[in-house]
Amino acid sequence: MTGTALHAARRERELVALGGGEVVDLLVVGLGVTGTGVALDAASRGLTVAAVDAHDLAFGTSRWSSKLVHGGLRYLASGRIGVAFASMRERRVLLETVAPHLVRPLPMVLPGDGRRALLTGAGLRGAQLLSRAAGTHRDTLPPPRRIRAAEARQLVPALRDTGEGAWLSYDGQLVDDARLVVALARTAAGHGAKILTRCRALNVAADGALVHDTVADAPVRLRARAVVNAAGVWAGGLVDGITLRPSRGSHVVLPAAALGNPAGALTVPIDGSLSRYAFALPQPDGLVHLGITDEPVDGPVPDVPEPTEHEITFLLDVLNAALATPVRRDQVLGAYAGLRPLLDDGRHSGADLSRRHAVLTSPSGVVTVVGGKLTTYRAMAADAVDAAGTARGLSAGPSRTATLALVGAGPVPAGVPPRLAARYGSEAADVAGCGDTDTIAEQVPVSPAELRWGVTHELALDVDDLLDRRTRVGLVPSRRAVAEPAARAALDRS
C-alpha cells in the first residue's frame, strides 16, 4: 500500500508523471465526497486512478452539509422507502465499519404532542424496522422512544416549557463533512490514486481531459482509459446532455450557549409540511448549526454560494417557535449554503426533485454521476465505477469499500488531547507530533499541530485550505481572522 500523506511535493511529482504520458485506468473529475469515493472505490479494486479538482478537496457542496449521516426519515415520510432504506444501509456501513472515528450517534429531540406526534411516532417506528433490516445493531443506534418534557430540556435546555413530551431518536453525525472527504482522498492515495487539486478540467473526453494546473499556470493533458465526471453542480458544464436543477440548502451558525449548550439536536417541524423540518445541530467547539432550506437555484453556479437574508430569517423563525427565549439575528456568528446537484427531470423542481442518484453514460463514453446525498456517496461511487468498467471495458472485481476502513479508523492512542482524538482517530498521536497542541486562542479551537498536519499530510496548499476546509475555523469569520497568522506560519515551514 502506498503512503497516505498528501502534500505539495507529491502532487507536483504525480502531475509531472501524468503530463509526461502516463495513462491511468480511470480519471475522476471532482474531489468532493462522491469524487473521492469514486477514486477510492476504483483504486481499491486495483485500477490505476487519477482524480482532479479545480479547487481543493471538499471545496464544493460536500463541506456545506448538515454534517448528518442520516437515515432518511424525511424520505420515509413522503413514501420514498427505497431511498430511506439505502440511506440506512449506508449509515450503518459508515458508523460500524468505514468511519466510526468520524461518525457518531446523535440524539435527536422532536418536541410536541397531538396528531403530528402520533405520525412522527409511527414514522420513527417504521424507520427503526428499516434500520434493523439494513443491519444496524441496536447498540449502534438505540431505538426511538417517547420522553417527558423535563428529559427533553435536559438534552436541549432552551426548549420552551409547554408541558408536552417529545420523541427521542438517534441518527449519525459527522464530526466534520470535509474531514470525511480528506479521509477518503488519503485512503485512495494509499491505494495508489493520484490526488491532484488546483487542476481545472477544461475539456473532458472518454480517453482523458485537458486540465489547467493553476499552481504552475500551465495546461496538462491527462490520459485515461475511462473517465468519471463527479463534478457535482458543475457536472453539466463538462458533458453535453446533463441538465441539473441545483437546490440551495442554507445553514446558520449559532453559539451553543444561545440554546443552553445542548447535548442533543433539536428537530422542529416546518408549518405546512409533514415531511420538512429544521434542525439545530450541536457541533464541536461551542457551535450549533441550524438548517436546512431547500430553494431552487437558477442561473450560473457560483463557486461559493451564499444564503439569503430571507433564508436566515426563516430558519430563525422556525427555531424560535420552539424556544423559551428567541435567538436574535445579532447572535448569528456565520452562515453558509451548499447546492445539491439534482438531475432535472423536466417535471419537478426544488424539494420535489428526486434525491436518488443517477449514473449516466454519454454517447462518447464519459460516465457522469449526480444527485444522491452525502450519506450514500459510497453506493454512488460503486455504481459509477461499475458503469465506467462496462462502458470502457475495464477489468476490475466488485466494490470493496463496504468493508474498507478509512485512515484514522483504528484504536485511538492513549494520552492524546480529546480534540485530536475526536477529529483524527488513530492518527491523533501523529498529529500531536507535528507541533504545539494547545489551541491558538480560547475562542479559536485549532492548534498549530493540526495546521501543520494539514500541510504535510492533507494537501493544504494555502490559508483557505487550512482554515476553511481542513479545520473549519472559517465558519466563524471572527475566529478565522485570529487564526490566519498561525496558518501562514504552518505553510511557511514547507
Protein backbone atom coordinates (compact mmCIF):
# COMPACT_ATOMS: atom_id res chain seq x y z
CA MET A 1 0.00 0.00 0.00
CA THR A 2 1.31 3.44 -0.97
CA GLY A 3 1.70 6.10 1.73
CA THR A 4 -1.38 8.15 2.58
CA ALA A 5 0.36 11.51 3.13
CA LEU A 6 -0.72 14.13 0.60
CA HIS A 7 1.40 17.26 0.16
CA ALA A 8 2.60 19.73 -2.46
CA ALA A 9 5.70 17.75 -3.46
CA ARG A 10 3.70 14.57 -4.10
CA ARG A 11 1.13 16.49 -6.11
CA GLU A 12 3.84 18.01 -8.31
CA ARG A 13 5.61 14.68 -8.81
CA GLU A 14 2.45 12.83 -9.80
CA LEU A 15 1.24 15.61 -12.09
CA VAL A 16 4.60 15.58 -13.92
CA ALA A 17 4.28 11.82 -14.47
CA LEU A 18 0.76 12.16 -15.85
CA GLY A 19 1.68 15.10 -18.05
CA GLY A 20 4.60 13.06 -19.38
CA GLY A 21 2.26 10.50 -20.92
CA GLU A 22 1.35 8.05 -18.14
CA VAL A 23 -2.06 6.53 -18.85
CA VAL A 24 -4.34 5.60 -15.93
CA ASP A 25 -7.32 3.27 -15.99
CA LEU A 26 -9.68 5.89 -14.58
CA LEU A 27 -9.68 9.68 -14.41
CA VAL A 28 -12.10 11.22 -11.91
CA VAL A 29 -13.14 14.87 -12.24
CA GLY A 30 -14.24 16.33 -8.91
CA LEU A 31 -12.88 15.81 -5.40
CA GLY A 32 -15.96 16.17 -3.24
CA VAL A 33 -17.34 13.23 -1.32
CA THR A 34 -18.55 11.49 -4.49
CA GLY A 35 -15.36 12.02 -6.49
CA THR A 36 -13.06 10.93 -3.68
CA GLY A 37 -15.41 8.00 -3.11
CA VAL A 38 -15.06 7.02 -6.79
CA ALA A 39 -11.28 7.34 -6.59
CA LEU A 40 -11.15 5.06 -3.54
CA ASP A 41 -13.58 2.53 -4.97
CA ALA A 42 -11.62 2.21 -8.21
CA ALA A 43 -8.16 2.22 -6.63
CA SER A 44 -9.16 -0.40 -4.05
CA ARG A 45 -10.29 -2.65 -6.92
CA GLY A 46 -6.78 -2.49 -8.35
CA LEU A 47 -7.37 0.13 -11.06
CA THR A 48 -4.87 2.93 -11.59
CA VAL A 49 -6.54 6.25 -10.81
CA ALA A 50 -6.01 9.99 -11.13
CA ALA A 51 -8.53 12.41 -9.59
CA VAL A 52 -8.56 16.17 -10.17
CA ASP A 53 -10.42 19.19 -8.87
CA ALA A 54 -10.45 22.81 -10.00
CA HIS A 55 -10.01 23.99 -6.42
CA ASP A 56 -9.45 21.80 -3.36
CA LEU A 57 -10.67 18.73 -1.53
CA ALA A 58 -14.26 19.30 -0.37
CA PHE A 59 -14.36 22.74 -1.96
CA GLY A 60 -17.98 22.46 -3.14
CA THR A 61 -21.21 21.05 -1.74
CA SER A 62 -19.56 18.37 0.38
CA ARG A 63 -18.39 20.86 3.03
CA TRP A 64 -21.71 22.69 3.24
CA SER A 65 -23.87 19.82 4.50
CA SER A 66 -25.74 19.46 7.80
CA LYS A 67 -22.96 17.02 8.78
CA LEU A 68 -25.53 14.31 9.29
CA VAL A 69 -25.19 10.73 8.12
CA HIS A 70 -28.91 10.27 8.31
CA GLY A 71 -31.39 7.51 7.76
CA GLY A 72 -33.75 9.47 5.55
CA LEU A 73 -36.82 9.84 7.80
CA ARG A 74 -37.97 12.64 5.52
CA TYR A 75 -37.94 10.29 2.55
CA LEU A 76 -39.86 7.66 4.51
CA ALA A 77 -42.48 10.28 5.42
CA SER A 78 -43.01 11.05 1.73
CA GLY A 79 -43.24 7.39 0.74
CA ARG A 80 -39.74 7.02 -0.75
CA ILE A 81 -38.97 3.82 1.12
CA GLY A 82 -36.21 2.70 -1.25
CA VAL A 83 -34.26 5.94 -0.75
CA ALA A 84 -34.70 5.72 3.02
CA PHE A 85 -33.54 2.10 3.15
CA ALA A 86 -30.46 2.87 1.03
CA SER A 87 -29.63 5.73 3.40
CA MET A 88 -29.95 3.48 6.44
CA ARG A 89 -27.77 0.80 4.90
CA GLU A 90 -25.01 3.29 4.11
CA ARG A 91 -25.35 4.92 7.53
CA ARG A 92 -24.66 1.53 9.13
CA VAL A 93 -21.59 0.98 6.96
CA LEU A 94 -20.13 4.35 7.97
CA LEU A 95 -20.99 4.06 11.67
CA GLU A 96 -19.83 0.49 12.16
CA THR A 97 -17.03 -0.12 9.65
CA VAL A 98 -15.81 2.63 7.33
CA ALA A 99 -15.53 5.71 9.54
CA PRO A 100 -16.51 5.05 13.17
CA HIS A 101 -13.97 7.70 14.23
CA LEU A 102 -15.76 10.37 12.18
CA VAL A 103 -19.43 9.38 12.61
CA ARG A 104 -21.15 9.14 15.99
CA PRO A 105 -24.70 8.58 17.25
CA LEU A 106 -26.57 11.85 17.84
CA PRO A 107 -29.71 12.11 20.00
CA MET A 108 -32.49 13.93 18.14
CA VAL A 109 -35.32 15.60 20.09
CA LEU A 110 -38.65 16.33 18.39
CA PRO A 111 -40.94 18.12 20.84
CA GLY A 112 -44.71 18.32 20.72
CA ASP A 113 -47.88 16.32 21.06
CA GLY A 114 -51.09 15.70 19.18
CA ARG A 115 -51.59 14.43 15.64
CA ARG A 116 -48.09 15.29 14.42
CA ALA A 117 -46.54 13.45 17.37
CA LEU A 118 -48.60 10.36 16.56
CA LEU A 119 -47.50 10.50 12.93
CA THR A 120 -43.90 11.11 13.99
CA GLY A 121 -44.00 8.11 16.31
CA ALA A 122 -45.32 5.89 13.54
CA GLY A 123 -42.63 7.14 11.20
CA LEU A 124 -39.84 6.63 13.73
CA ARG A 125 -41.01 3.10 14.47
CA GLY A 126 -41.13 2.35 10.76
CA ALA A 127 -37.65 3.79 10.38
CA GLN A 128 -36.47 1.59 13.24
CA LEU A 129 -37.72 -1.52 11.44
CA LEU A 130 -35.98 -0.45 8.22
CA SER A 131 -32.80 0.33 10.14
CA ARG A 132 -32.74 -3.15 11.66
CA ALA A 133 -33.45 -4.65 8.23
CA ALA A 134 -30.44 -2.69 6.97
CA GLY A 135 -28.33 -4.48 9.59
CA THR A 136 -27.81 -1.67 12.10
CA HIS A 137 -27.05 -3.02 15.56
CA ARG A 138 -29.26 -1.88 18.42
CA ASP A 139 -26.14 -0.85 20.34
CA THR A 140 -25.11 1.42 17.47
CA LEU A 141 -28.34 3.44 17.34
CA PRO A 142 -30.81 2.96 20.22
CA PRO A 143 -34.50 2.66 19.30
CA PRO A 144 -36.75 5.74 19.41
CA ARG A 145 -38.83 6.41 22.49
CA ARG A 146 -41.21 8.95 23.95
CA ILE A 147 -39.67 11.14 26.68
CA ARG A 148 -41.05 13.61 29.21
CA ALA A 149 -40.63 17.36 28.79
CA ALA A 150 -38.04 17.51 31.59
CA GLU A 151 -35.80 14.96 29.84
CA ALA A 152 -36.19 16.82 26.56
CA ARG A 153 -34.99 20.03 28.23
CA GLN A 154 -32.02 18.20 29.72
CA LEU A 155 -30.90 17.50 26.16
CA VAL A 156 -31.96 20.90 24.78
CA PRO A 157 -32.15 23.35 27.74
CA ALA A 158 -33.52 26.24 25.68
CA LEU A 159 -36.74 24.41 24.82
CA ARG A 160 -39.96 26.26 25.61
CA ASP A 161 -41.81 24.65 28.53
CA THR A 162 -45.19 23.60 27.15
CA GLY A 163 -45.66 20.63 29.46
CA GLU A 164 -45.66 18.35 26.42
CA GLY A 165 -43.30 15.47 25.90
CA ALA A 166 -41.09 14.75 22.91
CA TRP A 167 -39.79 11.96 20.74
CA LEU A 168 -36.16 10.95 21.16
CA SER A 169 -34.45 9.16 18.28
CA TYR A 170 -30.87 8.69 17.14
CA ASP A 171 -29.06 9.39 13.88
CA GLY A 172 -25.46 9.61 12.71
CA GLN A 173 -23.43 12.82 12.87
CA LEU A 174 -20.11 13.60 11.23
CA VAL A 175 -17.50 15.37 13.31
CA ASP A 176 -16.87 17.29 10.06
CA ASP A 177 -18.02 16.62 6.50
CA ALA A 178 -14.80 17.97 4.96
CA ARG A 179 -12.77 15.59 7.17
CA LEU A 180 -14.65 12.67 5.61
CA VAL A 181 -13.60 13.86 2.14
CA VAL A 182 -9.98 14.26 3.23
CA ALA A 183 -10.00 10.76 4.74
CA LEU A 184 -11.42 9.31 1.52
CA ALA A 185 -8.79 11.08 -0.57
CA ARG A 186 -5.91 9.93 1.64
CA THR A 187 -7.19 6.36 1.77
CA ALA A 188 -7.45 6.37 -2.03
CA ALA A 189 -3.91 7.72 -2.21
CA GLY A 190 -2.82 4.83 0.00
CA HIS A 191 -4.15 2.51 -2.70
CA GLY A 192 -2.15 4.35 -5.35
CA ALA A 193 -4.59 7.01 -6.56
CA LYS A 194 -3.08 10.32 -7.68
CA ILE A 195 -4.99 13.14 -5.96
CA LEU A 196 -4.50 16.45 -7.77
CA THR A 197 -6.10 19.68 -6.59
CA ARG A 198 -5.85 23.03 -8.45
CA CYS A 199 -6.36 21.27 -11.81
CA ARG A 200 -9.37 22.70 -13.61
CA ALA A 201 -10.86 20.44 -16.30
CA LEU A 202 -11.19 22.47 -19.49
CA ASN A 203 -12.43 19.69 -21.70
CA VAL A 204 -13.38 16.13 -20.94
CA ALA A 205 -13.49 13.12 -23.27
CA ALA A 206 -13.76 9.37 -22.78
CA ASP A 207 -9.98 8.99 -23.03
CA GLY A 208 -8.93 11.78 -20.68
CA ALA A 209 -9.07 15.52 -20.20
CA LEU A 210 -7.21 18.74 -20.76
CA VAL A 211 -6.75 20.45 -17.40
CA HIS A 212 -5.23 23.74 -16.34
CA ASP A 213 -2.76 23.46 -13.47
CA THR A 214 -3.48 26.72 -11.67
CA VAL A 215 -0.40 26.37 -9.44
CA ALA A 216 2.01 26.32 -12.39
CA ASP A 217 -0.40 28.23 -14.67
CA ALA A 218 0.05 25.59 -17.39
CA PRO A 219 -2.13 23.18 -19.38
CA VAL A 220 -1.69 19.44 -18.83
CA ARG A 221 -3.11 16.64 -20.95
CA LEU A 222 -4.26 13.70 -18.81
CA ARG A 223 -4.77 10.32 -20.49
CA ALA A 224 -7.10 7.61 -19.22
CA ARG A 225 -8.94 4.51 -20.35
CA ALA A 226 -12.15 5.75 -18.73
CA VAL A 227 -13.45 8.99 -17.20
CA VAL A 228 -15.99 9.65 -14.44
CA ASN A 229 -17.46 13.13 -14.16
CA ALA A 230 -18.19 13.69 -10.46
CA ALA A 231 -18.10 17.48 -10.52
CA GLY A 232 -21.38 17.93 -8.65
CA VAL A 233 -23.29 21.08 -9.56
CA TRP A 234 -20.66 21.81 -12.24
CA ALA A 235 -21.07 18.42 -13.95
CA GLY A 236 -23.40 19.76 -16.64
CA GLY A 237 -20.73 22.15 -17.90
CA LEU A 238 -18.33 19.30 -18.67
CA VAL A 239 -20.53 16.79 -20.53
CA ASP A 240 -23.31 17.51 -23.02
CA GLY A 241 -26.80 16.30 -22.21
CA ILE A 242 -26.56 16.71 -18.42
CA THR A 243 -29.15 19.19 -17.15
CA LEU A 244 -29.13 19.93 -13.43
CA ARG A 245 -31.52 21.92 -11.27
CA PRO A 246 -29.47 22.87 -8.19
CA SER A 247 -31.24 23.31 -4.88
CA ARG A 248 -29.72 25.55 -2.20
CA GLY A 249 -29.53 24.29 1.36
CA SER A 250 -28.56 27.03 3.81
CA HIS A 251 -27.44 26.91 7.44
CA VAL A 252 -26.94 29.45 10.22
CA VAL A 253 -24.05 29.15 12.70
CA LEU A 254 -25.04 29.99 16.29
CA PRO A 255 -23.28 29.99 19.66
CA ALA A 256 -24.25 26.83 21.54
CA ALA A 257 -24.83 28.98 24.63
CA ALA A 258 -27.84 30.55 22.91
CA LEU A 259 -29.56 27.15 23.16
CA GLY A 260 -28.23 26.31 26.61
CA ASN A 261 -25.31 24.24 25.25
CA PRO A 262 -27.47 21.36 24.00
CA ALA A 263 -26.34 17.74 24.23
CA GLY A 264 -28.77 16.68 21.51
CA ALA A 265 -30.17 18.00 18.27
CA LEU A 266 -33.49 19.82 18.17
CA THR A 267 -35.88 18.90 15.36
CA VAL A 268 -38.59 21.49 14.66
CA PRO A 269 -41.42 20.81 12.18
CA ILE A 270 -41.94 23.36 9.43
CA ASP A 271 -45.54 24.55 9.26
CA GLY A 272 -47.47 23.30 6.26
CA SER A 273 -45.45 20.14 5.73
CA LEU A 274 -45.44 16.71 7.36
CA SER A 275 -42.00 15.84 5.98
CA ARG A 276 -39.92 19.01 6.35
CA TYR A 277 -38.04 20.03 9.48
CA ALA A 278 -35.42 22.47 10.67
CA PHE A 279 -32.56 21.03 12.69
CA ALA A 280 -30.48 22.73 15.37
CA LEU A 281 -27.40 20.51 15.43
CA PRO A 282 -24.76 20.78 18.18
CA GLN A 283 -21.21 20.87 16.85
CA PRO A 284 -17.78 20.66 18.42
CA ASP A 285 -16.20 23.89 19.61
CA GLY A 286 -19.27 25.54 21.12
CA LEU A 287 -21.37 25.93 17.99
CA VAL A 288 -24.82 24.94 16.73
CA HIS A 289 -25.65 24.69 13.03
CA LEU A 290 -29.27 25.50 12.16
CA GLY A 291 -30.66 24.31 8.83
CA ILE A 292 -31.79 23.47 6.28
CA THR A 293 -33.55 25.26 3.46
CA ASP A 294 -34.48 23.85 0.07
CA GLU A 295 -34.57 26.62 -2.53
CA PRO A 296 -34.35 26.09 -6.32
CA VAL A 297 -31.44 27.95 -7.93
CA ASP A 298 -31.41 29.33 -11.46
CA GLY A 299 -28.60 30.90 -13.43
CA PRO A 300 -24.82 30.47 -13.24
CA VAL A 301 -23.44 28.28 -10.46
CA PRO A 302 -21.23 30.27 -8.06
CA ASP A 303 -18.02 28.81 -6.66
CA VAL A 304 -19.19 29.64 -3.14
CA PRO A 305 -22.97 30.06 -2.77
CA GLU A 306 -24.35 32.41 -0.14
CA PRO A 307 -27.52 32.08 1.95
CA THR A 308 -30.06 34.85 1.53
CA GLU A 309 -31.25 37.06 4.37
CA HIS A 310 -34.70 35.61 3.82
CA GLU A 311 -33.39 32.08 4.47
CA ILE A 312 -31.59 33.17 7.63
CA THR A 313 -34.73 34.86 8.96
CA PHE A 314 -36.87 31.86 8.01
CA LEU A 315 -34.63 29.42 9.90
CA LEU A 316 -34.52 31.62 12.99
CA ASP A 317 -38.31 31.99 12.95
CA VAL A 318 -38.81 28.21 12.76
CA LEU A 319 -36.32 27.62 15.57
CA ASN A 320 -37.67 30.35 17.83
CA ALA A 321 -41.16 28.85 17.76
CA ALA A 322 -39.74 26.02 19.91
CA LEU A 323 -37.56 28.08 22.30
CA ALA A 324 -38.26 29.79 25.61
CA THR A 325 -36.01 32.73 24.66
CA PRO A 326 -35.73 33.58 20.95
CA VAL A 327 -32.34 33.66 19.26
CA ARG A 328 -31.71 37.15 17.88
CA ARG A 329 -30.31 37.97 14.46
CA ASP A 330 -27.30 39.68 16.05
CA GLN A 331 -26.35 36.41 17.77
CA VAL A 332 -25.67 34.73 14.43
CA LEU A 333 -21.93 34.00 14.11
CA GLY A 334 -21.96 32.98 10.46
CA ALA A 335 -23.95 31.29 7.72
CA TYR A 336 -23.26 29.00 4.79
CA ALA A 337 -25.03 27.40 1.84
CA GLY A 338 -24.49 24.41 -0.42
CA LEU A 339 -26.01 23.46 -3.75
CA ARG A 340 -27.43 19.98 -4.25
CA PRO A 341 -26.65 18.61 -7.76
CA LEU A 342 -30.15 17.35 -8.58
CA LEU A 343 -30.90 15.96 -12.02
CA ASP A 344 -33.62 17.95 -13.82
CA ASP A 345 -36.32 15.53 -14.93
CA GLY A 346 -38.28 18.28 -16.66
CA ARG A 347 -41.29 17.73 -14.41
CA HIS A 348 -40.32 18.76 -10.88
CA SER A 349 -38.30 21.42 -9.13
CA GLY A 350 -36.70 22.09 -5.74
CA ALA A 351 -37.88 19.81 -2.96
CA ASP A 352 -39.86 17.65 -5.41
CA LEU A 353 -36.81 16.56 -7.40
CA SER A 354 -35.65 13.03 -6.66
CA ARG A 355 -32.81 12.57 -4.16
CA ARG A 356 -31.85 9.32 -5.88
CA HIS A 357 -28.52 9.39 -7.62
CA ALA A 358 -28.15 8.87 -11.34
CA VAL A 359 -25.26 7.37 -13.30
CA LEU A 360 -25.34 8.42 -16.94
CA THR A 361 -23.04 7.38 -19.80
CA SER A 362 -22.67 9.85 -22.67
CA PRO A 363 -22.55 8.68 -26.32
CA SER A 364 -18.78 9.23 -26.21
CA GLY A 365 -18.39 7.03 -23.13
CA VAL A 366 -17.91 9.56 -20.31
CA VAL A 367 -19.71 8.45 -17.13
CA THR A 368 -21.41 11.15 -15.04
CA VAL A 369 -22.70 10.60 -11.50
CA VAL A 370 -25.07 13.19 -10.00
CA GLY A 371 -27.81 13.52 -7.41
CA GLY A 372 -27.86 11.49 -4.25
CA LYS A 373 -26.57 12.81 -0.95
CA LEU A 374 -23.55 12.64 1.31
CA THR A 375 -24.78 9.59 3.22
CA THR A 376 -24.98 7.46 0.08
CA TYR A 377 -21.68 8.54 -1.52
CA ARG A 378 -20.21 5.02 -1.30
CA ALA A 379 -23.04 3.36 -3.24
CA MET A 380 -22.92 6.17 -5.81
CA ALA A 381 -19.20 5.66 -6.26
CA ALA A 382 -19.52 1.89 -6.69
CA ASP A 383 -22.24 2.35 -9.34
CA ALA A 384 -20.11 4.90 -11.21
CA VAL A 385 -17.05 2.63 -11.30
CA ASP A 386 -19.20 -0.28 -12.46
CA ALA A 387 -20.61 1.87 -15.25
CA ALA A 388 -17.16 3.07 -16.31
CA GLY A 389 -15.95 -0.51 -16.42
CA THR A 390 -18.87 -1.54 -18.61
CA ALA A 391 -18.61 1.46 -20.93
CA ARG A 392 -14.86 1.25 -21.45
CA GLY A 393 -14.05 -2.41 -20.88
CA LEU A 394 -12.06 -2.04 -17.68
CA SER A 395 -11.24 -5.25 -15.87
CA ALA A 396 -11.91 -4.98 -12.14
CA GLY A 397 -13.63 -7.01 -9.46
CA PRO A 398 -16.57 -5.95 -7.33
CA SER A 399 -16.52 -2.97 -4.99
CA ARG A 400 -14.63 -3.49 -1.72
CA THR A 401 -15.47 -0.26 0.09
CA ALA A 402 -18.26 -1.61 2.31
CA THR A 403 -15.59 -3.31 4.43
CA LEU A 404 -12.70 -0.90 3.88
CA ALA A 405 -11.94 1.37 6.84
CA LEU A 406 -10.65 4.87 6.19
CA VAL A 407 -7.41 6.30 7.57
CA GLY A 408 -7.77 7.04 11.26
CA ALA A 409 -10.37 4.35 11.89
CA GLY A 410 -8.18 2.25 14.20
CA PRO A 411 -7.85 2.38 18.00
CA VAL A 412 -7.20 5.84 19.41
CA PRO A 413 -3.87 6.05 21.30
CA ALA A 414 -3.96 6.94 24.97
CA GLY A 415 -2.89 10.33 26.26
CA VAL A 416 -3.72 12.46 23.22
CA PRO A 417 -5.78 15.67 23.50
CA PRO A 418 -9.52 14.90 23.26
CA ARG A 419 -9.98 17.28 20.31
CA LEU A 420 -7.35 15.45 18.28
CA ALA A 421 -8.78 12.06 19.23
CA ALA A 422 -12.24 13.18 18.07
CA ARG A 423 -11.05 14.52 14.71
CA TYR A 424 -8.13 12.25 13.78
CA GLY A 425 -8.85 8.92 15.44
CA SER A 426 -5.88 6.54 15.42
CA GLU A 427 -3.68 9.23 13.82
CA ALA A 428 -4.13 11.64 16.74
CA ALA A 429 -0.67 10.96 18.19
CA ASP A 430 0.94 11.55 14.79
CA VAL A 431 -0.87 14.88 14.52
CA ALA A 432 0.28 15.80 18.03
CA GLY A 433 3.85 15.14 16.93
CA CYS A 434 3.61 17.94 14.37
CA GLY A 435 3.80 20.74 16.94
CA ASP A 436 2.02 22.58 19.72
CA THR A 437 -1.37 21.01 20.50
CA ASP A 438 -2.69 23.96 22.52
CA THR A 439 -5.40 25.90 20.74
CA ILE A 440 -4.39 29.19 19.12
CA ALA A 441 -6.77 31.17 21.34
CA GLU A 442 -9.57 30.43 23.76
CA GLN A 443 -12.21 31.07 21.13
CA VAL A 444 -10.22 29.62 18.20
CA PRO A 445 -10.29 25.84 18.67
CA VAL A 446 -7.45 24.78 16.38
CA SER A 447 -3.83 24.07 17.21
CA PRO A 448 -0.57 24.70 15.31
CA ALA A 449 -0.10 20.90 15.18
CA GLU A 450 -3.35 20.49 13.21
CA LEU A 451 -2.40 23.24 10.79
CA ARG A 452 1.00 21.69 10.19
CA TRP A 453 -0.56 18.24 9.67
CA GLY A 454 -2.85 19.79 7.08
CA VAL A 455 0.20 20.93 5.11
CA THR A 456 2.28 17.75 5.42
CA HIS A 457 -0.46 15.10 5.14
CA GLU A 458 -3.70 16.62 3.81
CA LEU A 459 -2.62 18.59 0.73
CA ALA A 460 -3.38 22.04 2.13
CA LEU A 461 -1.70 24.50 -0.23
CA ASP A 462 -2.85 27.84 1.17
CA VAL A 463 -4.55 29.56 4.11
CA ASP A 464 -8.03 28.94 2.71
CA ASP A 465 -7.39 25.20 2.51
CA LEU A 466 -6.29 25.15 6.15
CA LEU A 467 -8.94 27.36 7.72
CA ASP A 468 -11.97 26.78 5.51
CA ARG A 469 -11.68 23.06 4.78
CA ARG A 470 -9.12 21.22 6.97
CA THR A 471 -10.12 22.78 10.29
CA ARG A 472 -13.39 24.69 9.54
CA VAL A 473 -12.36 27.70 11.61
CA GLY A 474 -13.60 29.81 8.71
CA LEU A 475 -17.24 29.03 9.50
CA VAL A 476 -16.98 31.86 12.06
CA PRO A 477 -15.28 34.86 10.37
CA SER A 478 -14.04 36.38 13.63
CA ARG A 479 -12.26 33.15 14.53
CA ARG A 480 -10.79 32.91 11.06
CA ALA A 481 -9.15 36.33 11.33
CA VAL A 482 -7.39 35.32 14.56
CA ALA A 483 -6.16 32.03 13.09
CA GLU A 484 -4.68 33.42 9.85
CA PRO A 485 -1.18 34.20 11.19
CA ALA A 486 -0.82 30.66 12.55
CA ALA A 487 -1.98 29.20 9.25
CA ARG A 488 0.59 31.26 7.35
CA ALA A 489 3.29 30.13 9.76
CA ALA A 490 2.37 26.46 9.13
CA LEU A 491 2.64 27.00 5.38
CA ASP A 492 5.93 28.93 5.64
CA ARG A 493 7.64 25.92 7.22
CA SER A 494 7.33 23.98 3.94
